[in-house]
Amino acid sequence: MKLKPLADNVVLKQVAAEEKTSGGIFLTSAAQEKPEIYEIIVVGPGGVVDGKEVKMELTAGQKVLMGKYNGTKVKLDGVEYVIVRQDEILAVVED
């Protein structure tokens, strides 16, 4: 199965938590803090949303920062995704 977002929705997958600290200490899964950084899996087409033209500025593969409680969580084929509107994404993370 595949997810195909409509309008200005974006499908995200959370980036894995760090298993080791910068000092080289390995963390147990209970001690690992999940980052609020997500990878964009697929982006909707945009279009007219609530009477306004919405241009999609994001692309698949980008890493983004999102608020902790935003979006709708969906589990598909054992993988957890989050679906949000483009305007709920706070920033693009650049390397």
PDB file of N, CA and C in Angstrom:
ATOM      1  N   MET A   1       0.841  -1.193   0.000  1.00  0.00           N
ATOM      2  CA  MET A   1       0.000   0.000   0.000  1.00  0.00           C
ATOM      3  C   MET A   1       0.878   1.246   0.000  1.00  0.00           C
ATOM      4  N   LYS A   2       0.351   2.306  -0.590  1.00  0.00           N
ATOM      5  CA  LYS A   2       1.058   3.577  -0.629  1.00  0.00           C
ATOM      6  C   LYS A   2       0.130   4.680  -0.145  1.00  0.00           C
ATOM      7  N   LEU A   3       0.707   5.696   0.460  1.00  0.00           N
ATOM      8  CA  LEU A   3      -0.054   6.870   0.866  1.00  0.00           C
ATOM      9  C   LEU A   3       0.113   7.951  -0.192  1.00  0.00           C
ATOM     10  N   LYS A   4      -0.998   8.576  -0.582  1.00  0.00           N
ATOM     11  CA  LYS A   4      -0.966   9.671  -1.542  1.00  0.00           C
ATOM     12  C   LYS A   4      -1.713  10.838  -0.896  1.00  0.00           C
ATOM     13  N   PRO A   5      -0.973  11.829  -0.363  1.00  0.00           N
ATOM     14  CA  PRO A   5      -1.634  12.940   0.324  1.00  0.00           C
ATOM     15  C   PRO A   5      -2.397  13.841  -0.649  1.00  0.00           C
ATOM     16  N   LEU A   6      -3.462  14.404  -0.163  1.00  0.00           N
ATOM     17  CA  LEU A   6      -4.277  15.324  -0.952  1.00  0.00           C
ATOM     18  C   LEU A   6      -3.964  16.763  -0.557  1.00  0.00           C
ATOM     19  N   ALA A   7      -4.263  17.679  -1.440  1.00  0.00           N
ATOM     20  CA  ALA A   7      -4.134  19.124  -1.203  1.00  0.00           C
ATOM     21  C   ALA A   7      -2.753  19.486  -0.662  1.00  0.00           C
ATOM     22  N   ASP A   8      -2.704  20.163   0.489  1.00  0.00           N
ATOM     23  CA  ASP A   8      -1.418  20.645   1.024  1.00  0.00           C
ATOM     24  C   ASP A   8      -0.882  19.742   2.128  1.00  0.00           C
ATOM     25  N   ASN A   9      -1.245  18.464   2.106  1.00  0.00           N
ATOM     26  CA  ASN A   9      -0.764  17.527   3.122  1.00  0.00           C
ATOM     27  C   ASN A   9       0.582  16.937   2.742  1.00  0.00           C
ATOM     28  N   VAL A  10       1.355  16.576   3.777  1.00  0.00           N
ATOM     29  CA  VAL A  10       2.693  16.018   3.611  1.00  0.00           C
ATOM     30  C   VAL A  10       2.789  14.767   4.489  1.00  0.00           C
ATOM     31  N   VAL A  11       3.351  13.680   3.954  1.00  0.00           N
ATOM     32  CA  VAL A  11       3.551  12.459   4.723  1.00  0.00           C
ATOM     33  C   VAL A  11       4.998  12.435   5.205  1.00  0.00           C
ATOM     34  N   LEU A  12       5.172  12.258   6.523  1.00  0.00           N
ATOM     35  CA  LEU A  12       6.487  12.293   7.150  1.00  0.00           C
ATOM     36  C   LEU A  12       6.782  10.980   7.858  1.00  0.00           C
ATOM     37  N   LYS A  13       8.066  10.687   8.012  1.00  0.00           N
ATOM     38  CA  LYS A  13       8.522   9.540   8.796  1.00  0.00           C
ATOM     39  C   LYS A  13       9.579  10.065   9.760  1.00  0.00           C
ATOM     40  N   GLN A  14       9.451   9.717  11.038  1.00  0.00           N
ATOM     41  CA  GLN A  14      10.367  10.236  12.048  1.00  0.00           C
ATOM     42  C   GLN A  14      11.764   9.654  11.875  1.00  0.00           C
ATOM     43  N   VAL A  15      12.770  10.528  12.015  1.00  0.00           N
ATOM     44  CA  VAL A  15      14.161  10.116  11.937  1.00  0.00           C
ATOM     45  C   VAL A  15      14.490   9.303  13.184  1.00  0.00           C
ATOM     46  N   ALA A  16      15.280   8.267  13.036  1.00  0.00           N
ATOM     47  CA  ALA A  16      15.635   7.390  14.161  1.00  0.00           C
ATOM     48  C   ALA A  16      16.394   8.156  15.241  1.00  0.00           C
ATOM     49  N   ALA A  17      16.174   7.766  16.488  1.00  0.00           N
ATOM     50  CA  ALA A  17      16.859   8.385  17.625  1.00  0.00           C
ATOM     51  C   ALA A  17      18.327   7.984  17.630  1.00  0.00           C
ATOM     52  N   GLU A  18      19.156   8.864  18.169  1.00  0.00           N
ATOM     53  CA  GLU A  18      20.585   8.584  18.280  1.00  0.00           C
ATOM     54  C   GLU A  18      20.814   7.466  19.286  1.00  0.00           C
ATOM     55  N   GLU A  19      21.649   6.520  18.926  1.00  0.00           N
ATOM     56  CA  GLU A  19      21.959   5.411  19.821  1.00  0.00           C
ATOM     57  C   GLU A  19      23.209   5.672  20.647  1.00  0.00           C
ATOM     58  N   LYS A  20      23.976   6.704  20.269  1.00  0.00           N
ATOM     59  CA  LYS A  20      25.225   6.994  20.955  1.00  0.00           C
ATOM     60  C   LYS A  20      25.335   8.500  21.152  1.00  0.00           C
ATOM     61  N   THR A  21      25.833   8.928  22.299  1.00  0.00           N
ATOM     62  CA  THR A  21      26.024  10.354  22.562  1.00  0.00           C
ATOM     63  C   THR A  21      27.256  10.851  21.818  1.00  0.00           C
ATOM     64  N   SER A  22      27.421  12.171  21.769  1.00  0.00           N
ATOM     65  CA  SER A  22      28.598  12.733  21.111  1.00  0.00           C
ATOM     66  C   SER A  22      29.887  12.328  21.825  1.00  0.00           C
ATOM     67  N   GLY A  23      29.800  11.965  23.106  1.00  0.00           N
ATOM     68  CA  GLY A  23      30.959  11.507  23.863  1.00  0.00           C
ATOM     69  C   GLY A  23      31.239  10.023  23.696  1.00  0.00           C
ATOM     70  N   GLY A  24      30.410   9.296  22.936  1.00  0.00           N
ATOM     71  CA  GLY A  24      30.643   7.893  22.649  1.00  0.00           C
ATOM     72  C   GLY A  24      29.921   6.923  23.567  1.00  0.00           C
ATOM     73  N   ILE A  25      29.029   7.421  24.408  1.00  0.00           N
ATOM     74  CA  ILE A  25      28.295   6.548  25.326  1.00  0.00           C
ATOM     75  C   ILE A  25      27.059   6.012  24.609  1.00  0.00           C
ATOM     76  N   PHE A  26      26.885   4.676  24.646  1.00  0.00           N
ATOM     77  CA  PHE A  26      25.717   4.060  24.028  1.00  0.00           C
ATOM     78  C   PHE A  26      24.514   4.189  24.961  1.00  0.00           C
ATOM     79  N   LEU A  27      23.359   4.535  24.382  1.00  0.00           N
ATOM     80  CA  LEU A  27      22.134   4.728  25.155  1.00  0.00           C
ATOM     81  C   LEU A  27      21.211   3.528  25.006  1.00  0.00           C
ATOM     82  N   THR A  28      20.523   3.178  26.078  1.00  0.00           N
ATOM     83  CA  THR A  28      19.501   2.146  25.979  1.00  0.00           C
ATOM     84  C   THR A  28      18.303   2.732  25.248  1.00  0.00           C
ATOM     85  N   SER A  29      17.434   1.899  24.746  1.00  0.00           N
ATOM     86  CA  SER A  29      16.272   2.407  24.008  1.00  0.00           C
ATOM     87  C   SER A  29      15.383   3.282  24.886  1.00  0.00           C
ATOM     88  N   ALA A  30      15.338   3.013  26.189  1.00  0.00           N
ATOM     89  CA  ALA A  30      14.529   3.819  27.105  1.00  0.00           C
ATOM     90  C   ALA A  30      15.120   5.212  27.281  1.00  0.00           C
ATOM     91  N   ALA A  31      16.432   5.347  27.158  1.00  0.00           N
ATOM     92  CA  ALA A  31      17.091   6.638  27.366  1.00  0.00           C
ATOM     93  C   ALA A  31      17.182   7.464  26.088  1.00  0.00           C
ATOM     94  N   GLN A  32      16.871   6.858  24.963  1.00  0.00           N
ATOM     95  CA  GLN A  32      16.972   7.580  23.699  1.00  0.00           C
ATOM     96  C   GLN A  32      15.806   8.528  23.545  1.00  0.00           C
ATOM     97  N   GLU A  33      16.115   9.783  23.299  1.00  0.00           N
ATOM     98  CA  GLU A  33      15.081  10.791  23.107  1.00  0.00           C
ATOM     99  C   GLU A  33      14.779  10.897  21.617  1.00  0.00           C
ATOM    100  N   LYS A  34      13.510  10.730  21.264  1.00  0.00           N
ATOM    101  CA  LYS A  34      13.138  10.827  19.860  1.00  0.00           C
ATOM    102  C   LYS A  34      13.220  12.281  19.411  1.00  0.00           C
ATOM    103  N   PRO A  35      13.930  12.543  18.335  1.00  0.00           N
ATOM    104  CA  PRO A  35      14.004  13.915  17.834  1.00  0.00           C
ATOM    105  C   PRO A  35      12.691  14.292  17.148  1.00  0.00           C
ATOM    106  N   GLU A  36      12.445  15.560  17.049  1.00  0.00           N
ATOM    107  CA  GLU A  36      11.254  16.038  16.346  1.00  0.00           C
ATOM    108  C   GLU A  36      11.605  16.345  14.891  1.00  0.00           C
ATOM    109  N   ILE A  37      12.585  15.616  14.374  1.00  0.00           N
ATOM    110  CA  ILE A  37      13.016  15.769  12.989  1.00  0.00           C
ATOM    111  C   ILE A  37      12.411  14.627  12.183  1.00  0.00           C
ATOM    112  N   TYR A  38      11.836  14.977  11.052  1.00  0.00           N
ATOM    113  CA  TYR A  38      11.148  14.012  10.199  1.00  0.00           C
ATOM    114  C   TYR A  38      11.683  14.111   8.782  1.00  0.00           C
ATOM    115  N   GLU A  39      11.596  12.999   8.058  1.00  0.00           N
ATOM    116  CA  GLU A  39      11.933  12.994   6.644  1.00  0.00           C
ATOM    117  C   GLU A  39      10.639  13.007   5.845  1.00  0.00           C
ATOM    118  N   ILE A  40      10.600  13.838   4.821  1.00  0.00           N
ATOM    119  CA  ILE A  40       9.413  13.909   3.967  1.00  0.00           C
ATOM    120  C   ILE A  40       9.415  12.701   3.030  1.00  0.00           C
ATOM    121  N   ILE A  41       8.335  11.937   3.065  1.00  0.00           N
ATOM    122  CA  ILE A  41       8.195  10.764   2.218  1.00  0.00           C
ATOM    123  C   ILE A  41       7.503  11.130   0.904  1.00  0.00           C
ATOM    124  N   VAL A  42       6.391  11.844   0.995  1.00  0.00           N
ATOM    125  CA  VAL A  42       5.656  12.263  -0.202  1.00  0.00           C
ATOM    126  C   VAL A  42       4.890  13.548   0.114  1.00  0.00           C
ATOM    127  N   VAL A  43       4.722  14.394  -0.904  1.00  0.00           N
ATOM    128  CA  VAL A  43       4.080  15.705  -0.757  1.00  0.00           C
ATOM    129  C   VAL A  43       2.841  15.742  -1.639  1.00  0.00           C
ATOM    130  N   GLY A  44       1.775  16.336  -1.121  1.00  0.00           N
ATOM    131  CA  GLY A  44       0.548  16.506  -1.896  1.00  0.00           C
ATOM    132  C   GLY A  44       0.732  17.507  -3.024  1.00  0.00           C
ATOM    133  N   PRO A  45      -0.244  17.618  -3.909  1.00  0.00           N
ATOM    134  CA  PRO A  45      -0.119  18.481  -5.084  1.00  0.00           C
ATOM    135  C   PRO A  45      -0.348  19.964  -4.831  1.00  0.00           C
ATOM    136  N   GLY A  46      -0.863  20.323  -3.658  1.00  0.00           N
ATOM    137  CA  GLY A  46      -1.199  21.730  -3.425  1.00  0.00           C
ATOM    138  C   GLY A  46      -2.548  22.030  -4.036  1.00  0.00           C
ATOM    139  N   GLY A  47      -2.699  23.238  -4.565  1.00  0.00           N
ATOM    140  CA  GLY A  47      -3.964  23.616  -5.186  1.00  0.00           C
ATOM    141  C   GLY A  47      -4.723  24.601  -4.326  1.00  0.00           C
ATOM    142  N   VAL A  48      -6.023  24.629  -4.463  1.00  0.00           N
ATOM    143  CA  VAL A  48      -6.859  25.556  -3.710  1.00  0.00           C
ATOM    144  C   VAL A  48      -7.285  24.889  -2.400  1.00  0.00           C
ATOM    145  N   VAL A  49      -6.877  25.516  -1.281  1.00  0.00           N
ATOM    146  CA  VAL A  49      -7.206  25.014   0.042  1.00  0.00           C
ATOM    147  C   VAL A  49      -7.856  26.155   0.813  1.00  0.00           C
ATOM    148  N   ASP A  50      -9.075  25.938   1.290  1.00  0.00           N
ATOM    149  CA  ASP A  50      -9.840  26.965   2.015  1.00  0.00           C
ATOM    150  C   ASP A  50      -9.951  28.259   1.212  1.00  0.00           C
ATOM    151  N   GLY A  51     -10.127  28.131  -0.096  1.00  0.00           N
ATOM    152  CA  GLY A  51     -10.321  29.290  -0.963  1.00  0.00           C
ATOM    153  C   GLY A  51      -9.046  30.029  -1.339  1.00  0.00           C
ATOM    154  N   LYS A  52      -7.878  29.512  -0.941  1.00  0.00           N
ATOM    155  CA  LYS A  52      -6.605  30.172  -1.258  1.00  0.00           C
ATOM    156  C   LYS A  52      -5.717  29.212  -2.043  1.00  0.00           C
ATOM    157  N   GLU A  53      -4.985  29.755  -2.997  1.00  0.00           N
ATOM    158  CA  GLU A  53      -4.052  28.949  -3.777  1.00  0.00           C
ATOM    159  C   GLU A  53      -2.835  28.609  -2.915  1.00  0.00           C
ATOM    160  N   VAL A  54      -2.517  27.311  -2.804  1.00  0.00           N
ATOM    161  CA  VAL A  54      -1.377  26.862  -2.002  1.00  0.00           C
ATOM    162  C   VAL A  54      -0.349  26.231  -2.927  1.00  0.00           C
ATOM    163  N   LYS A  55       0.869  26.786  -2.892  1.00  0.00           N
ATOM    164  CA  LYS A  55       1.976  26.238  -3.667  1.00  0.00           C
ATOM    165  C   LYS A  55       2.833  25.412  -2.717  1.00  0.00           C
ATOM    166  N   MET A  56       3.123  24.181  -3.096  1.00  0.00           N
ATOM    167  CA  MET A  56       3.936  23.309  -2.253  1.00  0.00           C
ATOM    168  C   MET A  56       5.404  23.710  -2.384  1.00  0.00           C
ATOM    169  N   GLU A  57       6.027  24.008  -1.245  1.00  0.00           N
ATOM    170  CA  GLU A  57       7.420  24.447  -1.213  1.00  0.00           C
ATOM    171  C   GLU A  57       8.360  23.339  -0.752  1.00  0.00           C
ATOM    172  N   LEU A  58       7.816  22.214  -0.354  1.00  0.00           N
ATOM    173  CA  LEU A  58       8.612  21.105   0.167  1.00  0.00           C
ATOM    174  C   LEU A  58       8.706  19.992  -0.870  1.00  0.00           C
ATOM    175  N   THR A  59       9.767  19.184  -0.759  1.00  0.00           N
ATOM    176  CA  THR A  59       9.928  18.056  -1.669  1.00  0.00           C
ATOM    177  C   THR A  59      10.292  16.800  -0.876  1.00  0.00           C
ATOM    178  N   ALA A  60      10.018  15.656  -1.460  1.00  0.00           N
ATOM    179  CA  ALA A  60      10.345  14.378  -0.822  1.00  0.00           C
ATOM    180  C   ALA A  60      11.847  14.299  -0.586  1.00  0.00           C
ATOM    181  N   GLY A  61      12.223  13.730   0.566  1.00  0.00           N
ATOM    182  CA  GLY A  61      13.624  13.567   0.908  1.00  0.00           C
ATOM    183  C   GLY A  61      14.173  14.637   1.838  1.00  0.00           C
ATOM    184  N   GLN A  62      13.504  15.788   1.911  1.00  0.00           N
ATOM    185  CA  GLN A  62      13.961  16.845   2.824  1.00  0.00           C
ATOM    186  C   GLN A  62      13.710  16.421   4.261  1.00  0.00           C
ATOM    187  N   LYS A  63      14.543  16.939   5.164  1.00  0.00           N
ATOM    188  CA  LYS A  63      14.335  16.722   6.594  1.00  0.00           C
ATOM    189  C   LYS A  63      13.743  18.014   7.159  1.00  0.00           C
ATOM    190  N   VAL A  64      12.731  17.866   8.009  1.00  0.00           N
ATOM    191  CA  VAL A  64      12.024  19.020   8.535  1.00  0.00           C
ATOM    192  C   VAL A  64      11.831  18.900  10.043  1.00  0.00           C
ATOM    193  N   LEU A  65      11.563  20.024  10.659  1.00  0.00           N
ATOM    194  CA  LEU A  65      11.295  20.104  12.087  1.00  0.00           C
ATOM    195  C   LEU A  65       9.816  20.387  12.260  1.00  0.00           C
ATOM    196  N   MET A  66       9.180  19.629  13.157  1.00  0.00           N
ATOM    197  CA  MET A  66       7.749  19.764  13.367  1.00  0.00           C
ATOM    198  C   MET A  66       7.459  19.788  14.857  1.00  0.00           C
ATOM    199  N   GLY A  67       6.391  20.437  15.246  1.00  0.00           N
ATOM    200  CA  GLY A  67       5.979  20.469  16.638  1.00  0.00           C
ATOM    201  C   GLY A  67       5.673  19.080  17.163  1.00  0.00           C
ATOM    202  N   LYS A  68       5.838  18.900  18.457  1.00  0.00           N
ATOM    203  CA  LYS A  68       5.707  17.585  19.089  1.00  0.00           C
ATOM    204  C   LYS A  68       4.319  16.963  18.931  1.00  0.00           C
ATOM    205  N   TYR A  69       3.269  17.759  18.988  1.00  0.00           N
ATOM    206  CA  TYR A  69       1.912  17.212  18.998  1.00  0.00           C
ATOM    207  C   TYR A  69       1.143  17.481  17.706  1.00  0.00           C
ATOM    208  N   ASN A  70       1.812  17.852  16.642  1.00  0.00           N
ATOM    209  CA  ASN A  70       1.146  18.134  15.367  1.00  0.00           C
ATOM    210  C   ASN A  70       0.933  16.853  14.567  1.00  0.00           C
ATOM    211  N   GLY A  71      -0.013  16.900  13.672  1.00  0.00           N
ATOM    212  CA  GLY A  71      -0.197  15.822  12.716  1.00  0.00           C
ATOM    213  C   GLY A  71      -1.066  14.678  13.183  1.00  0.00           C
ATOM    214  N   THR A  72      -1.319  13.794  12.248  1.00  0.00           N
ATOM    215  CA  THR A  72      -2.106  12.590  12.485  1.00  0.00           C
ATOM    216  C   THR A  72      -1.206  11.390  12.248  1.00  0.00           C
ATOM    217  N   LYS A  73      -1.095  10.515  13.262  1.00  0.00           N
ATOM    218  CA  LYS A  73      -0.239   9.335  13.146  1.00  0.00           C
ATOM    219  C   LYS A  73      -1.003   8.213  12.460  1.00  0.00           C
ATOM    220  N   VAL A  74      -0.316   7.566  11.521  1.00  0.00           N
ATOM    221  CA  VAL A  74      -0.890   6.468  10.756  1.00  0.00           C
ATOM    222  C   VAL A  74       0.141   5.346  10.692  1.00  0.00           C
ATOM    223  N   LYS A  75      -0.293   4.112  10.907  1.00  0.00           N
ATOM    224  CA  LYS A  75       0.611   2.968  10.786  1.00  0.00           C
ATOM    225  C   LYS A  75       0.189   2.171   9.563  1.00  0.00           C
ATOM    226  N   LEU A  76       1.139   1.970   8.642  1.00  0.00           N
ATOM    227  CA  LEU A  76       0.861   1.281   7.392  1.00  0.00           C
ATOM    228  C   LEU A  76       1.981   0.295   7.118  1.00  0.00           C
ATOM    229  N   ASP A  77       1.648  -0.966   6.963  1.00  0.00           N
ATOM    230  CA  ASP A  77       2.628  -2.030   6.729  1.00  0.00           C
ATOM    231  C   ASP A  77       3.725  -2.047   7.793  1.00  0.00           C
ATOM    232  N   GLY A  78       3.346  -1.781   9.052  1.00  0.00           N
ATOM    233  CA  GLY A  78       4.287  -1.824  10.157  1.00  0.00           C
ATOM    234  C   GLY A  78       5.157  -0.591  10.320  1.00  0.00           C
ATOM    235  N   VAL A  79       4.969   0.418   9.485  1.00  0.00           N
ATOM    236  CA  VAL A  79       5.756   1.651   9.555  1.00  0.00           C
ATOM    237  C   VAL A  79       4.843   2.786  10.000  1.00  0.00           C
ATOM    238  N   GLU A  80       5.326   3.599  10.964  1.00  0.00           N
ATOM    239  CA  GLU A  80       4.517   4.707  11.466  1.00  0.00           C
ATOM    240  C   GLU A  80       4.847   5.995  10.701  1.00  0.00           C
ATOM    241  N   TYR A  81       3.817   6.616  10.188  1.00  0.00           N
ATOM    242  CA  TYR A  81       3.935   7.876   9.458  1.00  0.00           C
ATOM    243  C   TYR A  81       3.131   8.948  10.182  1.00  0.00           C
ATOM    244  N   VAL A  82       3.440  10.212   9.868  1.00  0.00           N
ATOM    245  CA  VAL A  82       2.670  11.339  10.380  1.00  0.00           C
ATOM    246  C   VAL A  82       2.245  12.159   9.171  1.00  0.00           C
ATOM    247  N   ILE A  83       0.972  12.517   9.121  1.00  0.00           N
ATOM    248  CA  ILE A  83       0.455  13.350   8.036  1.00  0.00           C
ATOM    249  C   ILE A  83       0.140  14.724   8.605  1.00  0.00           C
ATOM    250  N   VAL A  84       0.730  15.761   7.998  1.00  0.00           N
ATOM    251  CA  VAL A  84       0.529  17.137   8.457  1.00  0.00           C
ATOM    252  C   VAL A  84       0.254  18.036   7.255  1.00  0.00           C
ATOM    253  N   ARG A  85      -0.281  19.202   7.543  1.00  0.00           N
ATOM    254  CA  ARG A  85      -0.412  20.217   6.502  1.00  0.00           C
ATOM    255  C   ARG A  85       0.929  20.923   6.368  1.00  0.00           C
ATOM    256  N   GLN A  86       1.206  21.427   5.202  1.00  0.00           N
ATOM    257  CA  GLN A  86       2.484  22.094   4.954  1.00  0.00           C
ATOM    258  C   GLN A  86       2.740  23.227   5.953  1.00  0.00           C
ATOM    259  N   ASP A  87       1.708  23.957   6.336  1.00  0.00           N
ATOM    260  CA  ASP A  87       1.908  25.098   7.240  1.00  0.00           C
ATOM    261  C   ASP A  87       2.181  24.684   8.687  1.00  0.00           C
ATOM    262  N   GLU A  88       2.073  23.388   9.015  1.00  0.00           N
ATOM    263  CA  GLU A  88       2.394  22.897  10.362  1.00  0.00           C
ATOM    264  C   GLU A  88       3.891  22.588  10.514  1.00  0.00           C
ATOM    265  N   ILE A  89       4.613  22.559   9.414  1.00  0.00           N
ATOM    266  CA  ILE A  89       6.054  22.283   9.460  1.00  0.00           C
ATOM    267  C   ILE A  89       6.764  23.595   9.806  1.00  0.00           C
ATOM    268  N   LEU A  90       7.628  23.513  10.817  1.00  0.00           N
ATOM    269  CA  LEU A  90       8.265  24.710  11.360  1.00  0.00           C
ATOM    270  C   LEU A  90       9.486  25.153  10.567  1.00  0.00           C
ATOM    271  N   ALA A  91      10.315  24.211  10.112  1.00  0.00           N
ATOM    272  CA  ALA A  91      11.549  24.572   9.430  1.00  0.00           C
ATOM    273  C   ALA A  91      12.081  23.378   8.645  1.00  0.00           C
ATOM    274  N   VAL A  92      12.941  23.681   7.660  1.00  0.00           N
ATOM    275  CA  VAL A  92      13.653  22.657   6.922  1.00  0.00           C
ATOM    276  C   VAL A  92      15.037  22.541   7.548  1.00  0.00           C
ATOM    277  N   VAL A  93      15.482  21.311   7.820  1.00  0.00           N
ATOM    278  CA  VAL A  93      16.794  21.084   8.413  1.00  0.00           C
ATOM    279  C   VAL A  93      17.794  20.884   7.282  1.00  0.00           C
ATOM    280  N   GLU A  94      18.809  21.742   7.237  1.00  0.00           N
ATOM    281  CA  GLU A  94      19.842  21.638   6.199  1.00  0.00           C
ATOM    282  C   GLU A  94      21.137  21.163   6.806  1.00  0.00           C
ATOM    283  N   ASP A  95      21.886  20.338   6.069  1.00  0.00           N
ATOM    284  CA  ASP A  95      23.175  19.828   6.562  1.00  0.00           C
ATOM    285  C   ASP A  95      24.265  20.856   6.383  1.00  0.00           C
TER     286      ASP A  95
END
